Amino acid sequence: FLNITVCGAVLRRFEQNLNRKPSNVKQCQRRERGICHQILSSIHSLL
């Protein structure tokens, strides 16, 4: 099972091509919303 960590290290090279960060426009829109709306939007996006 400890060898799973080696497999995790192999995934790091591919991971940088798959990560997508939200755009600045979406970040600005989230700041303008209320806290409850932000929490629900985060849960909606996370799941």
All heavy atoms as atom14 arrays in JSON, in Angstrom:
{
  "sequence": "FLNITVCGAVLRRFEQNLNRKPSNVKQCQRRERGICHQILSSIHSLL",
  "atom14_mask": [
    [1, 1, 1, 1, 1, 1, 1, 1, 1, 1, 1, 0, 0, 0],
    [1, 1, 1, 1, 1, 1, 1, 1, 0, 0, 0, 0, 0, 0],
    [1, 1, 1, 1, 1, 1, 1, 1, 0, 0, 0, 0, 0, 0],
    [1, 1, 1, 1, 1, 1, 1, 1, 0, 0, 0, 0, 0, 0],
    [1, 1, 1, 1, 1, 1, 1, 0, 0, 0, 0, 0, 0, 0],
    [1, 1, 1, 1, 1, 1, 1, 0, 0, 0, 0, 0, 0, 0],
    [1, 1, 1, 1, 1, 1, 0, 0, 0, 0, 0, 0, 0, 0],
    [1, 1, 1, 1, 0, 0, 0, 0, 0, 0, 0, 0, 0, 0],
    [1, 1, 1, 1, 1, 0, 0, 0, 0, 0, 0, 0, 0, 0],
    [1, 1, 1, 1, 1, 1, 1, 0, 0, 0, 0, 0, 0, 0],
    [1, 1, 1, 1, 1, 1, 1, 1, 0, 0, 0, 0, 0, 0],
    [1, 1, 1, 1, 1, 1, 1, 1, 1, 1, 1, 0, 0, 0],
    [1, 1, 1, 1, 1, 1, 1, 1, 1, 1, 1, 0, 0, 0],
    [1, 1, 1, 1, 1, 1, 1, 1, 1, 1, 1, 0, 0, 0],
    [1, 1, 1, 1, 1, 1, 1, 1, 1, 0, 0, 0, 0, 0],
    [1, 1, 1, 1, 1, 1, 1, 1, 1, 0, 0, 0, 0, 0],
    [1, 1, 1, 1, 1, 1, 1, 1, 0, 0, 0, 0, 0, 0],
    [1, 1, 1, 1, 1, 1, 1, 1, 0, 0, 0, 0, 0, 0],
    [1, 1, 1, 1, 1, 1, 1, 1, 0, 0, 0, 0, 0, 0],
    [1, 1, 1, 1, 1, 1, 1, 1, 1, 1, 1, 0, 0, 0],
    [1, 1, 1, 1, 1, 1, 1, 1, 1, 0, 0, 0, 0, 0],
    [1, 1, 1, 1, 1, 1, 1, 0, 0, 0, 0, 0, 0, 0],
    [1, 1, 1, 1, 1, 1, 0, 0, 0, 0, 0, 0, 0, 0],
    [1, 1, 1, 1, 1, 1, 1, 1, 0, 0, 0, 0, 0, 0],
    [1, 1, 1, 1, 1, 1, 1, 0, 0, 0, 0, 0, 0, 0],
    [1, 1, 1, 1, 1, 1, 1, 1, 1, 0, 0, 0, 0, 0],
    [1, 1, 1, 1, 1, 1, 1, 1, 1, 0, 0, 0, 0, 0],
    [1, 1, 1, 1, 1, 1, 0, 0, 0, 0, 0, 0, 0, 0],
    [1, 1, 1, 1, 1, 1, 1, 1, 1, 0, 0, 0, 0, 0],
    [1, 1, 1, 1, 1, 1, 1, 1, 1, 1, 1, 0, 0, 0],
    [1, 1, 1, 1, 1, 1, 1, 1, 1, 1, 1, 0, 0, 0],
    [1, 1, 1, 1, 1, 1, 1, 1, 1, 0, 0, 0, 0, 0],
    [1, 1, 1, 1, 1, 1, 1, 1, 1, 1, 1, 0, 0, 0],
    [1, 1, 1, 1, 0, 0, 0, 0, 0, 0, 0, 0, 0, 0],
    [1, 1, 1, 1, 1, 1, 1, 1, 0, 0, 0, 0, 0, 0],
    [1, 1, 1, 1, 1, 1, 0, 0, 0, 0, 0, 0, 0, 0],
    [1, 1, 1, 1, 1, 1, 1, 1, 1, 1, 0, 0, 0, 0],
    [1, 1, 1, 1, 1, 1, 1, 1, 1, 0, 0, 0, 0, 0],
    [1, 1, 1, 1, 1, 1, 1, 1, 0, 0, 0, 0, 0, 0],
    [1, 1, 1, 1, 1, 1, 1, 1, 0, 0, 0, 0, 0, 0],
    [1, 1, 1, 1, 1, 1, 0, 0, 0, 0, 0, 0, 0, 0],
    [1, 1, 1, 1, 1, 1, 0, 0, 0, 0, 0, 0, 0, 0],
    [1, 1, 1, 1, 1, 1, 1, 1, 0, 0, 0, 0, 0, 0],
    [1, 1, 1, 1, 1, 1, 1, 1, 1, 1, 0, 0, 0, 0],
    [1, 1, 1, 1, 1, 1, 0, 0, 0, 0, 0, 0, 0, 0],
    [1, 1, 1, 1, 1, 1, 1, 1, 0, 0, 0, 0, 0, 0],
    [1, 1, 1, 1, 1, 1, 1, 1, 0, 0, 0, 0, 0, 0]
  ],
  "atom14_positions": [
    [[0.82, -1.21, 0.0], [0.0, 0.0, 0.0], [0.86, 1.26, 0.0], [0.45, 2.29, -0.54], [-0.93, 0.01, 1.21], [-2.08, -0.97, 1.12], [-2.56, -1.6, 2.25], [-2.64, -1.28, -0.1], [-3.6, -2.52, 2.16], [-3.69, -2.19, -0.2], [-4.17, -2.8, 0.93], [0.0, 0.0, 0.0], [0.0, 0.0, 0.0], [0.0, 0.0, 0.0]],
    [[2.05, 1.2, 0.6], [2.92, 2.38, 0.62], [3.37, 2.76, -0.79], [3.66, 3.93, -1.06], [4.13, 2.1, 1.51], [5.09, 3.28, 1.75], [4.36, 4.43, 2.45], [6.29, 2.83, 2.58], [0.0, 0.0, 0.0], [0.0, 0.0, 0.0], [0.0, 0.0, 0.0], [0.0, 0.0, 0.0], [0.0, 0.0, 0.0], [0.0, 0.0, 0.0]],
    [[3.41, 1.79, -1.7], [3.78, 2.09, -3.08], [2.76, 2.99, -3.78], [3.04, 3.53, -4.86], [3.96, 0.8, -3.88], [5.19, 0.02, -3.45], [6.19, 0.6, -3.03], [5.12, -1.3, -3.55], [0.0, 0.0, 0.0], [0.0, 0.0, 0.0], [0.0, 0.0, 0.0], [0.0, 0.0, 0.0], [0.0, 0.0, 0.0], [0.0, 0.0, 0.0]],
    [[1.58, 3.14, -3.17], [0.58, 4.05, -3.73], [1.13, 5.47, -3.77], [0.82, 6.25, -4.68], [-0.72, 3.99, -2.92], [-1.36, 2.59, -3.05], [-1.72, 5.04, -3.36], [-2.59, 2.4, -2.2], [0.0, 0.0, 0.0], [0.0, 0.0, 0.0], [0.0, 0.0, 0.0], [0.0, 0.0, 0.0], [0.0, 0.0, 0.0], [0.0, 0.0, 0.0]],
    [[1.99, 5.82, -2.79], [2.56, 7.17, -2.78], [3.45, 7.41, -4.0], [3.53, 8.53, -4.51], [3.38, 7.38, -1.5], [4.42, 6.38, -1.42], [2.5, 7.26, -0.27], [0.0, 0.0, 0.0], [0.0, 0.0, 0.0], [0.0, 0.0, 0.0], [0.0, 0.0, 0.0], [0.0, 0.0, 0.0], [0.0, 0.0, 0.0], [0.0, 0.0, 0.0]],
    [[4.13, 6.37, -4.46], [4.94, 6.49, -5.67], [4.06, 6.79, -6.87], [4.38, 7.64, -7.72], [5.76, 5.2, -5.91], [6.59, 5.32, -7.18], [6.65, 4.91, -4.71], [0.0, 0.0, 0.0], [0.0, 0.0, 0.0], [0.0, 0.0, 0.0], [0.0, 0.0, 0.0], [0.0, 0.0, 0.0], [0.0, 0.0, 0.0], [0.0, 0.0, 0.0]],
    [[2.91, 6.11, -6.94], [1.96, 6.39, -8.02], [1.44, 7.81, -7.94], [1.24, 8.48, -8.97], [0.8, 5.39, -7.96], [1.3, 3.67, -8.19], [0.0, 0.0, 0.0], [0.0, 0.0, 0.0], [0.0, 0.0, 0.0], [0.0, 0.0, 0.0], [0.0, 0.0, 0.0], [0.0, 0.0, 0.0], [0.0, 0.0, 0.0], [0.0, 0.0, 0.0]],
    [[1.22, 8.3, -6.72], [0.8, 9.69, -6.56], [1.83, 10.67, -7.08], [1.49, 11.7, -7.66], [0.0, 0.0, 0.0], [0.0, 0.0, 0.0], [0.0, 0.0, 0.0], [0.0, 0.0, 0.0], [0.0, 0.0, 0.0], [0.0, 0.0, 0.0], [0.0, 0.0, 0.0], [0.0, 0.0, 0.0], [0.0, 0.0, 0.0], [0.0, 0.0, 0.0]],
    [[3.1, 10.36, -6.87], [4.15, 11.23, -7.39], [4.18, 11.25, -8.91], [4.46, 12.27, -9.53], [5.51, 10.77, -6.84], [0.0, 0.0, 0.0], [0.0, 0.0, 0.0], [0.0, 0.0, 0.0], [0.0, 0.0, 0.0], [0.0, 0.0, 0.0], [0.0, 0.0, 0.0], [0.0, 0.0, 0.0], [0.0, 0.0, 0.0], [0.0, 0.0, 0.0]],
    [[3.84, 10.1, -9.54], [3.8, 10.04, -11.01], [2.68, 10.93, -11.55], [2.82, 11.55, -12.62], [3.6, 8.58, -11.46], [3.36, 8.5, -12.97], [4.81, 7.74, -11.08], [0.0, 0.0, 0.0], [0.0, 0.0, 0.0], [0.0, 0.0, 0.0], [0.0, 0.0, 0.0], [0.0, 0.0, 0.0], [0.0, 0.0, 0.0], [0.0, 0.0, 0.0]],
    [[1.57, 11.04, -10.8], [0.44, 11.83, -11.26], [0.75, 13.32, -11.3], [0.06, 14.07, -12.02], [-0.78, 11.6, -10.36], [-1.3, 10.17, -10.23], [-2.5, 10.14, -9.3], [-1.66, 9.6, -11.58], [0.0, 0.0, 0.0], [0.0, 0.0, 0.0], [0.0, 0.0, 0.0], [0.0, 0.0, 0.0], [0.0, 0.0, 0.0], [0.0, 0.0, 0.0]],
    [[1.76, 13.78, -10.57], [2.03, 15.21, -10.46], [2.36, 15.83, -11.82], [2.0, 16.98, -12.09], [3.16, 15.46, -9.47], [3.35, 16.92, -9.09], [4.41, 17.07, -8.02], [4.02, 16.41, -6.78], [3.23, 16.96, -5.87], [2.75, 18.17, -6.07], [2.94, 16.31, -4.77], [0.0, 0.0, 0.0], [0.0, 0.0, 0.0], [0.0, 0.0, 0.0]],
    [[3.05, 15.06, -12.68], [3.43, 15.61, -13.98], [2.22, 15.89, -14.85], [2.21, 16.85, -15.63], [4.38, 14.64, -14.68], [4.79, 15.11, -16.07], [5.91, 14.29, -16.63], [6.33, 14.8, -17.92], [7.36, 14.34, -18.61], [8.1, 13.37, -18.09], [7.66, 14.83, -19.78], [0.0, 0.0, 0.0], [0.0, 0.0, 0.0], [0.0, 0.0, 0.0]],
    [[1.2, 15.05, -14.75], [0.0, 15.23, -15.57], [-0.95, 16.24, -14.96], [-1.76, 16.83, -15.67], [-0.73, 13.9, -15.74], [0.11, 12.84, -16.41], [0.85, 11.94, -15.66], [0.15, 12.74, -17.78], [1.61, 10.96, -16.26], [0.91, 11.77, -18.4], [1.64, 10.88, -17.65], [0.0, 0.0, 0.0], [0.0, 0.0, 0.0], [0.0, 0.0, 0.0]],
    [[-0.87, 16.41, -13.66], [-1.86, 17.22, -12.96], [-1.81, 18.68, -13.37], [-2.84, 19.35, -13.45], [-1.65, 17.1, -11.45], [-2.77, 17.7, -10.62], [-2.6, 17.37, -9.15], [-1.49, 16.96, -8.76], [-3.57, 17.51, -8.41], [0.0, 0.0, 0.0], [0.0, 0.0, 0.0], [0.0, 0.0, 0.0], [0.0, 0.0, 0.0], [0.0, 0.0, 0.0]],
    [[-0.64, 19.21, -13.68], [-0.52, 20.62, -14.01], [-1.23, 20.96, -15.32], [-1.63, 22.09, -15.54], [0.96, 21.0, -14.13], [1.73, 20.19, -15.17], [3.21, 20.48, -15.12], [3.66, 21.29, -14.32], [3.98, 19.81, -15.97], [0.0, 0.0, 0.0], [0.0, 0.0, 0.0], [0.0, 0.0, 0.0], [0.0, 0.0, 0.0], [0.0, 0.0, 0.0]],
    [[-1.43, 19.95, -16.18], [-2.15, 20.18, -17.43], [-3.65, 20.09, -17.25], [-4.4, 20.48, -18.15], [-1.72, 19.16, -18.48], [-0.25, 19.26, -18.82], [0.3, 20.35, -18.83], [0.38, 18.12, -19.1], [0.0, 0.0, 0.0], [0.0, 0.0, 0.0], [0.0, 0.0, 0.0], [0.0, 0.0, 0.0], [0.0, 0.0, 0.0], [0.0, 0.0, 0.0]],
    [[-4.11, 19.57, -16.11], [-5.54, 19.38, -15.89], [-6.16, 20.41, -14.97], [-7.36, 20.59, -14.97], [-5.79, 17.98, -15.29], [-5.36, 16.8, -16.17], [-5.56, 15.51, -15.41], [-6.14, 16.78, -17.46], [0.0, 0.0, 0.0], [0.0, 0.0, 0.0], [0.0, 0.0, 0.0], [0.0, 0.0, 0.0], [0.0, 0.0, 0.0], [0.0, 0.0, 0.0]],
    [[-5.33, 21.07, -14.16], [-5.85, 22.05, -13.21], [-6.37, 23.26, -13.97], [-5.69, 23.82, -14.82], [-4.77, 22.49, -12.22], [-4.44, 21.39, -11.23], [-5.25, 20.52, -10.98], [-3.25, 21.42, -10.68], [0.0, 0.0, 0.0], [0.0, 0.0, 0.0], [0.0, 0.0, 0.0], [0.0, 0.0, 0.0], [0.0, 0.0, 0.0], [0.0, 0.0, 0.0]],
    [[-7.57, 23.68, -13.66], [-8.17, 24.87, -14.26], [-8.59, 25.82, -13.15], [-9.46, 25.5, -12.36], [-9.38, 24.5, -15.12], [-9.01, 23.63, -16.31], [-10.27, 23.29, -17.09], [-9.96, 22.53, -18.27], [-9.86, 21.22, -18.31], [-10.02, 20.53, -17.19], [-9.59, 20.59, -19.44], [0.0, 0.0, 0.0], [0.0, 0.0, 0.0], [0.0, 0.0, 0.0]],
    [[-8.0, 26.98, -13.12], [-8.34, 27.95, -12.1], [-9.47, 28.85, -12.6], [-9.53, 29.17, -13.79], [-7.12, 28.8, -11.75], [-6.0, 27.98, -11.11], [-4.83, 28.85, -10.72], [-3.72, 28.03, -10.06], [-2.57, 28.86, -9.67], [0.0, 0.0, 0.0], [0.0, 0.0, 0.0], [0.0, 0.0, 0.0], [0.0, 0.0, 0.0], [0.0, 0.0, 0.0]],
    [[-10.36, 29.31, -11.74], [-11.45, 30.17, -12.18], [-10.91, 31.51, -12.67], [-9.89, 31.99, -12.22], [-12.31, 30.33, -10.91], [-11.38, 30.03, -9.78], [-10.4, 29.04, -10.29], [0.0, 0.0, 0.0], [0.0, 0.0, 0.0], [0.0, 0.0, 0.0], [0.0, 0.0, 0.0], [0.0, 0.0, 0.0], [0.0, 0.0, 0.0], [0.0, 0.0, 0.0]],
    [[-11.6, 32.04, -13.64], [-11.17, 33.3, -14.23], [-11.39, 34.45, -13.26], [-12.13, 34.36, -12.29], [-11.94, 33.56, -15.53], [-13.33, 33.68, -15.25], [0.0, 0.0, 0.0], [0.0, 0.0, 0.0], [0.0, 0.0, 0.0], [0.0, 0.0, 0.0], [0.0, 0.0, 0.0], [0.0, 0.0, 0.0], [0.0, 0.0, 0.0], [0.0, 0.0, 0.0]],
    [[-10.75, 35.62, -13.56], [-10.89, 36.79, -12.7], [-12.32, 37.31, -12.69], [-12.79, 37.87, -11.71], [-9.94, 37.88, -13.18], [-8.48, 37.48, -13.01], [-8.15, 36.73, -12.1], [-7.61, 37.98, -13.89], [0.0, 0.0, 0.0], [0.0, 0.0, 0.0], [0.0, 0.0, 0.0], [0.0, 0.0, 0.0], [0.0, 0.0, 0.0], [0.0, 0.0, 0.0]],
    [[-13.01, 37.13, -13.85], [-14.4, 37.6, -13.92], [-15.27, 36.84, -12.93], [-16.07, 37.42, -12.2], [-14.94, 37.44, -15.36], [-16.41, 37.83, -15.42], [-14.11, 38.27, -16.33], [0.0, 0.0, 0.0], [0.0, 0.0, 0.0], [0.0, 0.0, 0.0], [0.0, 0.0, 0.0], [0.0, 0.0, 0.0], [0.0, 0.0, 0.0], [0.0, 0.0, 0.0]],
    [[-15.09, 35.5, -12.89], [-15.88, 34.7, -11.95], [-15.53, 35.03, -10.51], [-16.39, 35.06, -9.64], [-15.63, 33.21, -12.22], [-16.23, 32.73, -13.52], [-16.02, 31.23, -13.69], [-16.65, 30.73, -14.98], [-16.48, 29.27, -15.15], [0.0, 0.0, 0.0], [0.0, 0.0, 0.0], [0.0, 0.0, 0.0], [0.0, 0.0, 0.0], [0.0, 0.0, 0.0]],
    [[-14.24, 35.3, -10.24], [-13.84, 35.65, -8.88], [-14.46, 36.98, -8.46], [-14.9, 37.14, -7.32], [-12.32, 35.72, -8.81], [-11.64, 34.37, -8.92], [-10.13, 34.48, -8.87], [-9.57, 35.57, -8.87], [-9.46, 33.33, -8.85], [0.0, 0.0, 0.0], [0.0, 0.0, 0.0], [0.0, 0.0, 0.0], [0.0, 0.0, 0.0], [0.0, 0.0, 0.0]],
    [[-14.52, 37.94, -9.38], [-15.14, 39.22, -9.05], [-16.64, 39.06, -8.81], [-17.22, 39.69, -7.91], [-14.9, 40.22, -10.19], [-13.16, 40.7, -10.38], [0.0, 0.0, 0.0], [0.0, 0.0, 0.0], [0.0, 0.0, 0.0], [0.0, 0.0, 0.0], [0.0, 0.0, 0.0], [0.0, 0.0, 0.0], [0.0, 0.0, 0.0], [0.0, 0.0, 0.0]],
    [[-17.3, 38.22, -9.63], [-18.71, 37.98, -9.43], [-18.99, 37.34, -8.08], [-19.97, 37.66, -7.42], [-19.24, 37.08, -10.56], [-19.28, 37.78, -11.92], [-19.72, 36.85, -13.02], [-19.84, 35.64, -12.81], [-19.98, 37.39, -14.21], [0.0, 0.0, 0.0], [0.0, 0.0, 0.0], [0.0, 0.0, 0.0], [0.0, 0.0, 0.0], [0.0, 0.0, 0.0]],
    [[-18.1, 36.43, -7.63], [-18.3, 35.78, -6.34], [-18.14, 36.76, -5.19], [-18.78, 36.65, -4.17], [-17.31, 34.62, -6.19], [-17.64, 33.43, -7.09], [-16.58, 32.35, -6.99], [-16.88, 31.23, -7.86], [-16.09, 30.2, -8.05], [-14.91, 30.13, -7.41], [-16.43, 29.22, -8.87], [0.0, 0.0, 0.0], [0.0, 0.0, 0.0], [0.0, 0.0, 0.0]],
    [[-17.22, 37.73, -5.34], [-17.03, 38.71, -4.28], [-18.27, 39.59, -4.12], [-18.56, 40.07, -3.02], [-15.81, 39.58, -4.59], [-14.48, 38.83, -4.53], [-13.33, 39.79, -4.54], [-12.06, 39.11, -4.7], [-11.38, 39.05, -5.84], [-11.86, 39.65, -6.92], [-10.22, 38.41, -5.92], [0.0, 0.0, 0.0], [0.0, 0.0, 0.0], [0.0, 0.0, 0.0]],
    [[-18.98, 39.84, -5.23], [-20.15, 40.72, -5.16], [-21.36, 40.02, -4.54], [-22.31, 40.67, -4.14], [-20.5, 41.19, -6.58], [-19.41, 42.09, -7.19], [-19.73, 42.45, -8.64], [-20.77, 41.95, -9.13], [-18.96, 43.21, -9.24], [0.0, 0.0, 0.0], [0.0, 0.0, 0.0], [0.0, 0.0, 0.0], [0.0, 0.0, 0.0], [0.0, 0.0, 0.0]],
    [[-21.35, 38.7, -4.46], [-22.48, 37.97, -3.91], [-22.38, 37.89, -2.39], [-21.34, 38.13, -1.8], [-22.53, 36.55, -4.48], [-22.76, 36.51, -5.99], [-22.55, 35.12, -6.53], [-22.77, 35.05, -7.98], [-22.49, 33.99, -8.73], [-21.95, 32.92, -8.18], [-22.73, 34.01, -10.03], [0.0, 0.0, 0.0], [0.0, 0.0, 0.0], [0.0, 0.0, 0.0]],
    [[-23.54, 37.5, -1.77], [-23.56, 37.36, -0.34], [-22.78, 36.14, 0.12], [-22.46, 35.24, -0.67], [0.0, 0.0, 0.0], [0.0, 0.0, 0.0], [0.0, 0.0, 0.0], [0.0, 0.0, 0.0], [0.0, 0.0, 0.0], [0.0, 0.0, 0.0], [0.0, 0.0, 0.0], [0.0, 0.0, 0.0], [0.0, 0.0, 0.0], [0.0, 0.0, 0.0]],
    [[-22.52, 36.07, 1.42], [-21.72, 34.97, 1.96], [-22.45, 33.65, 1.8], [-21.86, 32.64, 1.39], [-21.42, 35.23, 3.45], [-20.54, 36.48, 3.59], [-20.71, 34.02, 4.07], [-20.25, 36.86, 5.01], [0.0, 0.0, 0.0], [0.0, 0.0, 0.0], [0.0, 0.0, 0.0], [0.0, 0.0, 0.0], [0.0, 0.0, 0.0], [0.0, 0.0, 0.0]],
    [[-23.76, 33.62, 2.1], [-24.52, 32.38, 1.97], [-24.54, 31.9, 0.52], [-24.4, 30.69, 0.24], [-25.94, 32.59, 2.47], [-26.07, 32.9, 4.24], [0.0, 0.0, 0.0], [0.0, 0.0, 0.0], [0.0, 0.0, 0.0], [0.0, 0.0, 0.0], [0.0, 0.0, 0.0], [0.0, 0.0, 0.0], [0.0, 0.0, 0.0], [0.0, 0.0, 0.0]],
    [[-24.71, 32.86, -0.4], [-24.72, 32.49, -1.81], [-23.36, 31.96, -2.24], [-23.27, 31.01, -3.04], [-25.11, 33.71, -2.65], [-25.55, 33.36, -4.04], [-24.67, 32.95, -5.01], [-26.79, 33.35, -4.6], [-25.33, 32.72, -6.12], [-26.62, 32.96, -5.91], [0.0, 0.0, 0.0], [0.0, 0.0, 0.0], [0.0, 0.0, 0.0], [0.0, 0.0, 0.0]],
    [[-22.3, 32.54, -1.72], [-20.96, 32.06, -2.04], [-20.74, 30.63, -1.52], [-20.15, 29.8, -2.21], [-19.91, 32.98, -1.43], [-19.82, 34.35, -2.08], [-18.73, 35.19, -1.48], [-17.76, 34.67, -0.94], [-18.88, 36.5, -1.55], [0.0, 0.0, 0.0], [0.0, 0.0, 0.0], [0.0, 0.0, 0.0], [0.0, 0.0, 0.0], [0.0, 0.0, 0.0]],
    [[-21.22, 30.36, -0.3], [-21.06, 29.02, 0.28], [-21.82, 27.99, -0.55], [-21.29, 26.93, -0.9], [-21.53, 29.0, 1.74], [-20.62, 29.89, 2.6], [-21.54, 27.57, 2.28], [-21.08, 30.04, 4.01], [0.0, 0.0, 0.0], [0.0, 0.0, 0.0], [0.0, 0.0, 0.0], [0.0, 0.0, 0.0], [0.0, 0.0, 0.0], [0.0, 0.0, 0.0]],
    [[-23.08, 28.32, -0.9], [-23.88, 27.39, -1.69], [-23.28, 27.19, -3.09], [-23.28, 26.07, -3.62], [-25.32, 27.9, -1.8], [-26.14, 27.92, -0.5], [-27.49, 28.54, -0.73], [-26.28, 26.51, 0.06], [0.0, 0.0, 0.0], [0.0, 0.0, 0.0], [0.0, 0.0, 0.0], [0.0, 0.0, 0.0], [0.0, 0.0, 0.0], [0.0, 0.0, 0.0]],
    [[-22.76, 28.27, -3.66], [-22.13, 28.15, -4.99], [-20.88, 27.29, -4.93], [-20.61, 26.5, -5.84], [-21.8, 29.54, -5.53], [-22.95, 30.32, -5.7], [0.0, 0.0, 0.0], [0.0, 0.0, 0.0], [0.0, 0.0, 0.0], [0.0, 0.0, 0.0], [0.0, 0.0, 0.0], [0.0, 0.0, 0.0], [0.0, 0.0, 0.0], [0.0, 0.0, 0.0]],
    [[-20.13, 27.43, -3.83], [-18.92, 26.62, -3.68], [-19.27, 25.15, -3.54], [-18.61, 24.29, -4.14], [-18.11, 27.1, -2.47], [-17.7, 28.44, -2.63], [0.0, 0.0, 0.0], [0.0, 0.0, 0.0], [0.0, 0.0, 0.0], [0.0, 0.0, 0.0], [0.0, 0.0, 0.0], [0.0, 0.0, 0.0], [0.0, 0.0, 0.0], [0.0, 0.0, 0.0]],
    [[-20.3, 24.84, -2.72], [-20.72, 23.45, -2.56], [-21.24, 22.89, -3.89], [-20.94, 21.75, -4.28], [-21.8, 23.34, -1.47], [-21.21, 23.72, -0.11], [-22.38, 21.93, -1.41], [-22.23, 23.77, 1.01], [0.0, 0.0, 0.0], [0.0, 0.0, 0.0], [0.0, 0.0, 0.0], [0.0, 0.0, 0.0], [0.0, 0.0, 0.0], [0.0, 0.0, 0.0]],
    [[-22.01, 23.72, -4.6], [-22.56, 23.31, -5.9], [-21.43, 22.98, -6.88], [-21.47, 21.98, -7.61], [-23.44, 24.43, -6.45], [-24.13, 24.08, -7.73], [-23.52, 24.22, -8.97], [-25.37, 23.59, -7.98], [-24.36, 23.83, -9.91], [-25.48, 23.45, -9.34], [0.0, 0.0, 0.0], [0.0, 0.0, 0.0], [0.0, 0.0, 0.0], [0.0, 0.0, 0.0]],
    [[-20.4, 23.82, -6.88], [-19.28, 23.6, -7.79], [-18.41, 22.43, -7.33], [-17.94, 21.64, -8.16], [-18.43, 24.88, -7.89], [-17.29, 24.67, -8.68], [0.0, 0.0, 0.0], [0.0, 0.0, 0.0], [0.0, 0.0, 0.0], [0.0, 0.0, 0.0], [0.0, 0.0, 0.0], [0.0, 0.0, 0.0], [0.0, 0.0, 0.0], [0.0, 0.0, 0.0]],
    [[-18.21, 22.31, -6.02], [-17.35, 21.26, -5.49], [-17.91, 19.87, -5.76], [-17.18, 18.94, -6.1], [-17.15, 21.46, -3.98], [-16.19, 20.52, -3.27], [-14.77, 20.74, -3.76], [-16.26, 20.72, -1.75], [0.0, 0.0, 0.0], [0.0, 0.0, 0.0], [0.0, 0.0, 0.0], [0.0, 0.0, 0.0], [0.0, 0.0, 0.0], [0.0, 0.0, 0.0]],
    [[-19.23, 19.73, -5.63], [-19.88, 18.44, -5.82], [-20.39, 18.23, -7.24], [-20.96, 17.17, -7.53], [-21.05, 18.29, -4.83], [-20.69, 18.36, -3.34], [-21.95, 18.24, -2.49], [-19.71, 17.26, -2.98], [0.0, 0.0, 0.0], [0.0, 0.0, 0.0], [0.0, 0.0, 0.0], [0.0, 0.0, 0.0], [0.0, 0.0, 0.0], [0.0, 0.0, 0.0]]
  ]
}
